[in-house]
Protein backbone atom coordinates (compact mmCIF):
# COMPACT_ATOMS: atom_id res chain seq x y z
CA UNK A 1 114.43 162.96 32.55
CA UNK A 2 112.11 160.95 30.35
CA UNK A 3 110.59 159.49 33.45
CA UNK A 4 110.42 162.82 35.25
CA UNK A 5 108.45 164.40 32.26
CA UNK A 6 106.19 161.44 31.90
CA UNK A 7 105.49 161.09 35.58
CA UNK A 8 104.82 164.90 35.88
CA UNK A 9 102.33 164.76 33.05
CA UNK A 10 100.66 161.67 34.29
CA UNK A 11 100.27 162.45 37.90
CA UNK A 12 100.35 166.25 38.01
CA UNK A 13 99.27 167.88 34.80
CA UNK A 14 96.75 165.05 33.54
CA UNK A 15 98.63 165.01 30.21
CA UNK A 16 97.95 168.72 29.51
CA UNK A 17 100.66 170.87 28.11
CA UNK A 18 98.59 174.05 29.09
CA UNK A 19 98.50 172.78 32.70
CA UNK A 20 102.18 172.09 32.78
CA UNK A 21 102.81 175.71 31.40
CA UNK A 22 100.47 177.28 33.99
CA UNK A 23 102.14 175.24 36.70
CA UNK A 24 105.48 176.27 35.67
CA UNK A 25 104.48 179.82 35.46
CA UNK A 26 103.19 179.74 38.98
CA UNK A 27 106.26 178.23 40.34
CA UNK A 28 108.45 180.72 38.45
CA UNK A 29 106.42 183.52 39.79
CA UNK A 30 106.92 182.29 43.36
CA UNK A 31 110.73 181.92 42.95
CA UNK A 32 111.54 184.95 40.55
CA UNK A 33 108.69 187.32 40.80
CA UNK A 34 108.10 186.75 36.93
CA UNK A 35 105.21 184.64 35.61
CA UNK A 36 106.96 182.65 32.83
CA UNK A 37 105.61 179.21 31.81
CA UNK A 38 108.22 178.78 29.04
CA UNK A 39 110.35 176.84 31.23
CA UNK A 40 108.46 173.83 30.09
CA UNK A 41 109.98 174.38 26.65
CA UNK A 42 113.43 174.53 28.06
CA UNK A 43 112.74 171.13 29.66
CA UNK A 44 111.74 169.64 26.27
CA UNK A 45 114.92 171.18 24.69
CA UNK A 46 116.97 169.80 27.51
CA UNK A 47 115.44 166.29 26.90
CA UNK A 48 115.94 166.36 23.18
CA UNK A 49 119.50 167.62 23.25
CA UNK A 50 120.53 165.16 25.92
CA UNK A 51 119.01 162.17 24.06
CA UNK A 52 120.52 163.41 20.77
CA UNK A 53 123.91 163.82 22.40
CA UNK A 54 123.82 160.28 23.82
CA UNK A 55 122.55 158.88 20.49
CA UNK A 56 125.49 160.60 18.70
CA UNK A 57 127.92 159.17 21.22
CA UNK A 58 126.44 155.64 20.84
CA UNK A 59 126.28 155.57 17.11
CA UNK A 60 129.48 157.43 16.18
CA UNK A 61 131.91 157.45 19.13
CA UNK A 62 134.88 158.70 17.03
CA UNK A 63 132.97 161.57 15.49
CA UNK A 64 131.43 162.39 18.82
CA UNK A 65 134.97 162.62 20.51
CA UNK A 66 136.39 164.45 17.51
CA UNK A 67 133.65 167.20 17.56
CA UNK A 68 134.77 170.83 18.08
CA UNK A 69 135.01 172.43 21.50
CA UNK A 70 132.31 175.06 20.74
CA UNK A 71 129.83 172.11 20.26
CA UNK A 72 130.85 170.53 23.59
CA UNK A 73 130.71 173.99 25.32
CA UNK A 74 127.24 174.76 23.92
CA UNK A 75 125.80 171.39 24.66
CA UNK A 76 127.21 170.88 28.18
CA UNK A 77 126.79 174.49 29.03
CA UNK A 78 123.09 174.41 28.31
CA UNK A 79 122.60 171.03 30.03
CA UNK A 80 124.46 172.29 33.19
CA UNK A 81 122.62 175.56 33.15
CA UNK A 82 119.14 173.80 33.15
CA UNK A 83 120.30 171.29 35.72
CA UNK A 84 121.38 174.01 37.87
CA UNK A 85 118.09 175.91 37.52
CA UNK A 86 116.12 172.73 38.35
CA UNK A 87 118.13 171.82 41.39
CA UNK A 88 119.58 174.90 42.82
CA UNK A 89 117.10 177.74 41.83
CA UNK A 90 113.84 175.94 42.00
CA UNK A 91 114.45 173.40 44.79
CA UNK A 92 115.48 173.69 48.52
CA UNK A 93 116.99 171.74 51.22
CA UNK A 94 119.03 168.60 50.43
CA UNK A 95 118.14 168.70 46.66
CA UNK A 96 119.58 172.31 46.35
CA UNK A 97 122.74 171.37 48.24
CA UNK A 98 123.19 168.19 46.09
CA UNK A 99 122.68 170.43 42.96
CA UNK A 100 125.30 172.88 44.21
CA UNK A 101 127.74 170.09 44.69
CA UNK A 102 126.89 168.44 41.40
CA UNK A 103 127.09 171.82 39.56
CA UNK A 104 130.56 172.56 40.96
CA UNK A 105 131.76 168.95 40.05
CA UNK A 106 130.37 169.37 36.49
CA UNK A 107 131.93 172.70 35.91
CA UNK A 108 135.25 171.43 37.26
CA UNK A 109 135.01 168.37 35.06
CA UNK A 110 134.26 170.50 31.99
CA UNK A 111 137.24 172.72 32.85
CA UNK A 112 139.60 169.73 33.22
CA UNK A 113 138.29 168.35 29.92
CA UNK A 114 138.95 171.57 28.11
CA UNK A 115 142.38 172.05 29.52
CA UNK A 116 143.41 168.38 28.56
CA UNK A 117 141.79 168.61 25.25
CA UNK A 118 143.83 169.90 22.33
CA UNK A 119 141.10 169.60 19.75
CA UNK A 120 140.20 172.57 17.46
């Protein structure tokens, strides 16, 4: 994700946040019929949340594994939602089908984890 954002800003948006918002709004308009550039901010939140989640896991594995189910559900739900949007809603062809398969597998894995987990 870090490489994706850096590459997009370096090669597509000339390091301009405004250009990224405009491009996102144009793509969103083409796909949904609504001109919304705020998707860029959802990508930023996705990146920060994913990195923070990984750092928590690396620095405090016991605390990470003992966290409540609602934190797991909120974090993974948001990450899966954004990944689904990026690969299924806004892509086509092989990437879309790969996104469908990955989304189904992630949802199934989350379900299995929740069923097996007896944490509060």
